[in-house]
Amino acid sequence: MKQSEVKELSVDDLGLKLVEAKKQHADLKMAHSVTPLENPLQIRRARRIVARLATELTKRENQ
């Protein structure tokens, strides 16, 4: 998910996407600890998506 896509979302949508992204990141980490993933860069990508969503949500709450 690109930053331009994140900026277009509403606050409620950001919250929902953040929960989904955190779950996906946790699932990827768990799957990688059991059996190495074919593409471990998925974990990094998921972590960065979580950070983008959380940052945008915090930014909007502070405005």
PDB file of N, CA and C in Angstrom:
ATOM      1  N   MET A   1       0.852  -1.171   0.000  1.00  0.00           N
ATOM      2  CA  MET A   1       0.000   0.000   0.000  1.00  0.00           C
ATOM      3  C   MET A   1       0.898   1.233   0.000  1.00  0.00           C
ATOM      4  N   LYS A   2       0.653   2.110  -0.952  1.00  0.00           N
ATOM      5  CA  LYS A   2       1.468   3.307  -1.090  1.00  0.00           C
ATOM      6  C   LYS A   2       0.940   4.422  -0.197  1.00  0.00           C
ATOM      7  N   GLN A   3       1.789   5.397   0.074  1.00  0.00           N
ATOM      8  CA  GLN A   3       1.415   6.511   0.925  1.00  0.00           C
ATOM      9  C   GLN A   3       0.252   7.289   0.315  1.00  0.00           C
ATOM     10  N   SER A   4       0.208   7.414  -0.997  1.00  0.00           N
ATOM     11  CA  SER A   4      -0.892   8.130  -1.643  1.00  0.00           C
ATOM     12  C   SER A   4      -2.225   7.416  -1.397  1.00  0.00           C
ATOM     13  N   GLU A   5      -2.203   6.099  -1.345  1.00  0.00           N
ATOM     14  CA  GLU A   5      -3.424   5.333  -1.056  1.00  0.00           C
ATOM     15  C   GLU A   5      -3.840   5.519   0.395  1.00  0.00           C
ATOM     16  N   VAL A   6      -2.862   5.608   1.282  1.00  0.00           N
ATOM     17  CA  VAL A   6      -3.150   5.765   2.709  1.00  0.00           C
ATOM     18  C   VAL A   6      -3.800   7.118   2.972  1.00  0.00           C
ATOM     19  N   LYS A   7      -3.331   8.156   2.296  1.00  0.00           N
ATOM     20  CA  LYS A   7      -3.866   9.501   2.518  1.00  0.00           C
ATOM     21  C   LYS A   7      -5.319   9.622   2.100  1.00  0.00           C
ATOM     22  N   GLU A   8      -5.763   8.793   1.164  1.00  0.00           N
ATOM     23  CA  GLU A   8      -7.142   8.864   0.673  1.00  0.00           C
ATOM     24  C   GLU A   8      -8.140   8.185   1.599  1.00  0.00           C
ATOM     25  N   LEU A   9      -7.684   7.378   2.531  1.00  0.00           N
ATOM     26  CA  LEU A   9      -8.576   6.633   3.417  1.00  0.00           C
ATOM     27  C   LEU A   9      -9.131   7.532   4.523  1.00  0.00           C
ATOM     28  N   SER A  10     -10.326   7.190   4.999  1.00  0.00           N
ATOM     29  CA  SER A  10     -10.901   7.909   6.133  1.00  0.00           C
ATOM     30  C   SER A  10     -10.293   7.369   7.426  1.00  0.00           C
ATOM     31  N   VAL A  11     -10.567   8.039   8.524  1.00  0.00           N
ATOM     32  CA  VAL A  11     -10.007   7.631   9.811  1.00  0.00           C
ATOM     33  C   VAL A  11     -10.504   6.239  10.198  1.00  0.00           C
ATOM     34  N   ASP A  12     -11.782   5.967   9.966  1.00  0.00           N
ATOM     35  CA  ASP A  12     -12.329   4.646  10.294  1.00  0.00           C
ATOM     36  C   ASP A  12     -11.679   3.558   9.447  1.00  0.00           C
ATOM     37  N   ASP A  13     -11.507   3.850   8.159  1.00  0.00           N
ATOM     38  CA  ASP A  13     -10.868   2.885   7.271  1.00  0.00           C
ATOM     39  C   ASP A  13      -9.415   2.649   7.678  1.00  0.00           C
ATOM     40  N   LEU A  14      -8.732   3.700   8.106  1.00  0.00           N
ATOM     41  CA  LEU A  14      -7.350   3.554   8.562  1.00  0.00           C
ATOM     42  C   LEU A  14      -7.268   2.599   9.749  1.00  0.00           C
ATOM     43  N   GLY A  15      -8.195   2.755  10.679  1.00  0.00           N
ATOM     44  CA  GLY A  15      -8.208   1.873  11.849  1.00  0.00           C
ATOM     45  C   GLY A  15      -8.426   0.422  11.463  1.00  0.00           C
ATOM     46  N   LEU A  16      -9.364   0.191  10.552  1.00  0.00           N
ATOM     47  CA  LEU A  16      -9.642  -1.178  10.112  1.00  0.00           C
ATOM     48  C   LEU A  16      -8.452  -1.767   9.364  1.00  0.00           C
ATOM     49  N   LYS A  17      -7.875  -0.988   8.472  1.00  0.00           N
ATOM     50  CA  LYS A  17      -6.718  -1.471   7.703  1.00  0.00           C
ATOM     51  C   LYS A  17      -5.534  -1.739   8.625  1.00  0.00           C
ATOM     52  N   LEU A  18      -5.379  -0.920   9.665  1.00  0.00           N
ATOM     53  CA  LEU A  18      -4.280  -1.107  10.610  1.00  0.00           C
ATOM     54  C   LEU A  18      -4.417  -2.430  11.349  1.00  0.00           C
ATOM     55  N   VAL A  19      -5.621  -2.744  11.782  1.00  0.00           N
ATOM     56  CA  VAL A  19      -5.857  -4.019  12.468  1.00  0.00           C
ATOM     57  C   VAL A  19      -5.557  -5.191  11.534  1.00  0.00           C
ATOM     58  N   GLU A  20      -6.027  -5.088  10.285  1.00  0.00           N
ATOM     59  CA  GLU A  20      -5.772  -6.155   9.313  1.00  0.00           C
ATOM     60  C   GLU A  20      -4.283  -6.307   9.020  1.00  0.00           C
ATOM     61  N   ALA A  21      -3.590  -5.173   8.889  1.00  0.00           N
ATOM     62  CA  ALA A  21      -2.160  -5.209   8.572  1.00  0.00           C
ATOM     63  C   ALA A  21      -1.361  -5.797   9.734  1.00  0.00           C
ATOM     64  N   LYS A  22      -1.734  -5.458  10.963  1.00  0.00           N
ATOM     65  CA  LYS A  22      -1.042  -6.026  12.127  1.00  0.00           C
ATOM     66  C   LYS A  22      -1.247  -7.534  12.202  1.00  0.00           C
ATOM     67  N   LYS A  23      -2.461  -7.985  11.891  1.00  0.00           N
ATOM     68  CA  LYS A  23      -2.735  -9.418  11.903  1.00  0.00           C
ATOM     69  C   LYS A  23      -1.920 -10.127  10.819  1.00  0.00           C
ATOM     70  N   GLN A  24      -1.867  -9.541   9.639  1.00  0.00           N
ATOM     71  CA  GLN A  24      -1.100 -10.140   8.555  1.00  0.00           C
ATOM     72  C   GLN A  24       0.383 -10.208   8.917  1.00  0.00           C
ATOM     73  N   HIS A  25       0.908  -9.149   9.529  1.00  0.00           N
ATOM     74  CA  HIS A  25       2.316  -9.138   9.932  1.00  0.00           C
ATOM     75  C   HIS A  25       2.582 -10.226  10.970  1.00  0.00           C
ATOM     76  N   ALA A  26       1.703 -10.352  11.942  1.00  0.00           N
ATOM     77  CA  ALA A  26       1.874 -11.384  12.966  1.00  0.00           C
ATOM     78  C   ALA A  26       1.809 -12.781  12.350  1.00  0.00           C
ATOM     79  N   ASP A  27       0.884 -12.985  11.416  1.00  0.00           N
ATOM     80  CA  ASP A  27       0.773 -14.288  10.745  1.00  0.00           C
ATOM     81  C   ASP A  27       2.024 -14.619   9.949  1.00  0.00           C
ATOM     82  N   LEU A  28       2.565 -13.620   9.253  1.00  0.00           N
ATOM     83  CA  LEU A  28       3.788 -13.846   8.481  1.00  0.00           C
ATOM     84  C   LEU A  28       4.963 -14.199   9.396  1.00  0.00           C
ATOM     85  N   LYS A  29       5.075 -13.498  10.516  1.00  0.00           N
ATOM     86  CA  LYS A  29       6.165 -13.779  11.451  1.00  0.00           C
ATOM     87  C   LYS A  29       6.047 -15.186  12.023  1.00  0.00           C
ATOM     88  N   MET A  30       4.816 -15.584  12.349  1.00  0.00           N
ATOM     89  CA  MET A  30       4.598 -16.914  12.897  1.00  0.00           C
ATOM     90  C   MET A  30       4.919 -17.978  11.856  1.00  0.00           C
ATOM     91  N   ALA A  31       4.456 -17.785  10.642  1.00  0.00           N
ATOM     92  CA  ALA A  31       4.716 -18.745   9.579  1.00  0.00           C
ATOM     93  C   ALA A  31       6.211 -18.853   9.291  1.00  0.00           C
ATOM     94  N   HIS A  32       6.917 -17.742   9.379  1.00  0.00           N
ATOM     95  CA  HIS A  32       8.350 -17.749   9.107  1.00  0.00           C
ATOM     96  C   HIS A  32       9.129 -18.445  10.228  1.00  0.00           C
ATOM     97  N   SER A  33       8.630 -18.349  11.440  1.00  0.00           N
ATOM     98  CA  SER A  33       9.327 -19.003  12.547  1.00  0.00           C
ATOM     99  C   SER A  33       9.151 -20.523  12.491  1.00  0.00           C
ATOM    100  N   VAL A  34       8.031 -20.988  11.964  1.00  0.00           N
ATOM    101  CA  VAL A  34       7.783 -22.420  11.851  1.00  0.00           C
ATOM    102  C   VAL A  34       8.522 -22.994  10.645  1.00  0.00           C
ATOM    103  N   THR A  35       8.291 -22.391   9.492  1.00  0.00           N
ATOM    104  CA  THR A  35       8.931 -22.817   8.248  1.00  0.00           C
ATOM    105  C   THR A  35       9.359 -21.563   7.503  1.00  0.00           C
ATOM    106  N   PRO A  36      10.598 -21.455   7.099  1.00  0.00           N
ATOM    107  CA  PRO A  36      11.037 -20.232   6.413  1.00  0.00           C
ATOM    108  C   PRO A  36      10.181 -19.925   5.188  1.00  0.00           C
ATOM    109  N   LEU A  37       9.813 -18.657   5.066  1.00  0.00           N
ATOM    110  CA  LEU A  37       9.005 -18.213   3.930  1.00  0.00           C
ATOM    111  C   LEU A  37       9.839 -18.234   2.657  1.00  0.00           C
ATOM    112  N   GLU A  38       9.163 -18.428   1.547  1.00  0.00           N
ATOM    113  CA  GLU A  38       9.847 -18.398   0.262  1.00  0.00           C
ATOM    114  C   GLU A  38      10.392 -16.996  -0.014  1.00  0.00           C
ATOM    115  N   ASN A  39       9.628 -15.972   0.393  1.00  0.00           N
ATOM    116  CA  ASN A  39      10.050 -14.592   0.209  1.00  0.00           C
ATOM    117  C   ASN A  39       9.972 -13.867   1.558  1.00  0.00           C
ATOM    118  N   PRO A  40      11.043 -13.869   2.345  1.00  0.00           N
ATOM    119  CA  PRO A  40      10.997 -13.244   3.667  1.00  0.00           C
ATOM    120  C   PRO A  40      10.859 -11.723   3.629  1.00  0.00           C
ATOM    121  N   LEU A  41      11.013 -11.115   2.465  1.00  0.00           N
ATOM    122  CA  LEU A  41      10.832  -9.668   2.373  1.00  0.00           C
ATOM    123  C   LEU A  41       9.375  -9.263   2.586  1.00  0.00           C
ATOM    124  N   GLN A  42       8.462 -10.243   2.538  1.00  0.00           N
ATOM    125  CA  GLN A  42       7.052  -9.968   2.826  1.00  0.00           C
ATOM    126  C   GLN A  42       6.893  -9.437   4.243  1.00  0.00           C
ATOM    127  N   ILE A  43       7.717  -9.921   5.160  1.00  0.00           N
ATOM    128  CA  ILE A  43       7.637  -9.477   6.553  1.00  0.00           C
ATOM    129  C   ILE A  43       7.979  -7.994   6.639  1.00  0.00           C
ATOM    130  N   ARG A  44       9.048  -7.584   5.959  1.00  0.00           N
ATOM    131  CA  ARG A  44       9.455  -6.182   5.968  1.00  0.00           C
ATOM    132  C   ARG A  44       8.374  -5.302   5.355  1.00  0.00           C
ATOM    133  N   ARG A  45       7.810  -5.753   4.237  1.00  0.00           N
ATOM    134  CA  ARG A  45       6.769  -4.990   3.556  1.00  0.00           C
ATOM    135  C   ARG A  45       5.554  -4.823   4.472  1.00  0.00           C
ATOM    136  N   ALA A  46       5.160  -5.878   5.161  1.00  0.00           N
ATOM    137  CA  ALA A  46       4.003  -5.819   6.064  1.00  0.00           C
ATOM    138  C   ALA A  46       4.281  -4.875   7.236  1.00  0.00           C
ATOM    139  N   ARG A  47       5.505  -4.927   7.767  1.00  0.00           N
ATOM    140  CA  ARG A  47       5.869  -4.055   8.890  1.00  0.00           C
ATOM    141  C   ARG A  47       5.809  -2.593   8.469  1.00  0.00           C
ATOM    142  N   ARG A  48       6.257  -2.302   7.268  1.00  0.00           N
ATOM    143  CA  ARG A  48       6.255  -0.920   6.796  1.00  0.00           C
ATOM    144  C   ARG A  48       4.845  -0.417   6.513  1.00  0.00           C
ATOM    145  N   ILE A  49       3.970  -1.304   6.065  1.00  0.00           N
ATOM    146  CA  ILE A  49       2.571  -0.922   5.860  1.00  0.00           C
ATOM    147  C   ILE A  49       1.927  -0.577   7.198  1.00  0.00           C
ATOM    148  N   VAL A  50       2.216  -1.380   8.217  1.00  0.00           N
ATOM    149  CA  VAL A  50       1.697  -1.094   9.558  1.00  0.00           C
ATOM    150  C   VAL A  50       2.187   0.275  10.015  1.00  0.00           C
ATOM    151  N   ALA A  51       3.452   0.561   9.804  1.00  0.00           N
ATOM    152  CA  ALA A  51       4.012   1.843  10.222  1.00  0.00           C
ATOM    153  C   ALA A  51       3.367   3.003   9.469  1.00  0.00           C
ATOM    154  N   ARG A  52       3.157   2.852   8.163  1.00  0.00           N
ATOM    155  CA  ARG A  52       2.518   3.913   7.380  1.00  0.00           C
ATOM    156  C   ARG A  52       1.116   4.211   7.893  1.00  0.00           C
ATOM    157  N   LEU A  53       0.354   3.152   8.131  1.00  0.00           N
ATOM    158  CA  LEU A  53      -1.022   3.333   8.602  1.00  0.00           C
ATOM    159  C   LEU A  53      -1.050   3.967   9.989  1.00  0.00           C
ATOM    160  N   ALA A  54      -0.200   3.490  10.883  1.00  0.00           N
ATOM    161  CA  ALA A  54      -0.171   4.023  12.244  1.00  0.00           C
ATOM    162  C   ALA A  54       0.262   5.484  12.248  1.00  0.00           C
ATOM    163  N   THR A  55       1.224   5.825  11.427  1.00  0.00           N
ATOM    164  CA  THR A  55       1.704   7.206  11.359  1.00  0.00           C
ATOM    165  C   THR A  55       0.621   8.133  10.849  1.00  0.00           C
ATOM    166  N   GLU A  56      -0.064   7.730   9.809  1.00  0.00           N
ATOM    167  CA  GLU A  56      -1.129   8.569   9.249  1.00  0.00           C
ATOM    168  C   GLU A  56      -2.283   8.719  10.249  1.00  0.00           C
ATOM    169  N   LEU A  57      -2.609   7.641  10.940  1.00  0.00           N
ATOM    170  CA  LEU A  57      -3.685   7.703  11.928  1.00  0.00           C
ATOM    171  C   LEU A  57      -3.316   8.658  13.065  1.00  0.00           C
ATOM    172  N   THR A  58      -2.102   8.575  13.554  1.00  0.00           N
ATOM    173  CA  THR A  58      -1.634   9.465  14.621  1.00  0.00           C
ATOM    174  C   THR A  58      -1.607  10.914  14.140  1.00  0.00           C
ATOM    175  N   LYS A  59      -1.157  11.120  12.930  1.00  0.00           N
ATOM    176  CA  LYS A  59      -1.090  12.462  12.355  1.00  0.00           C
ATOM    177  C   LYS A  59      -2.470  13.095  12.302  1.00  0.00           C
ATOM    178  N   ARG A  60      -3.461  12.318  11.889  1.00  0.00           N
ATOM    179  CA  ARG A  60      -4.825  12.855  11.797  1.00  0.00           C
ATOM    180  C   ARG A  60      -5.433  13.095  13.178  1.00  0.00           C
ATOM    181  N   GLU A  61      -5.111  12.263  14.141  1.00  0.00           N
ATOM    182  CA  GLU A  61      -5.647  12.456  15.492  1.00  0.00           C
ATOM    183  C   GLU A  61      -5.067  13.702  16.139  1.00  0.00           C
ATOM    184  N   ASN A  62      -3.824  14.055  15.802  1.00  0.00           N
ATOM    185  CA  ASN A  62      -3.185  15.228  16.392  1.00  0.00           C
ATOM    186  C   ASN A  62      -3.600  16.534  15.737  1.00  0.00           C
ATOM    187  N   GLN A  63      -4.257  16.470  14.593  1.00  0.00           N
ATOM    188  CA  GLN A  63      -4.671  17.706  13.916  1.00  0.00           C
ATOM    189  C   GLN A  63      -5.945  18.251  14.492  1.00  0.00           C
TER     190      GLN A  63
END
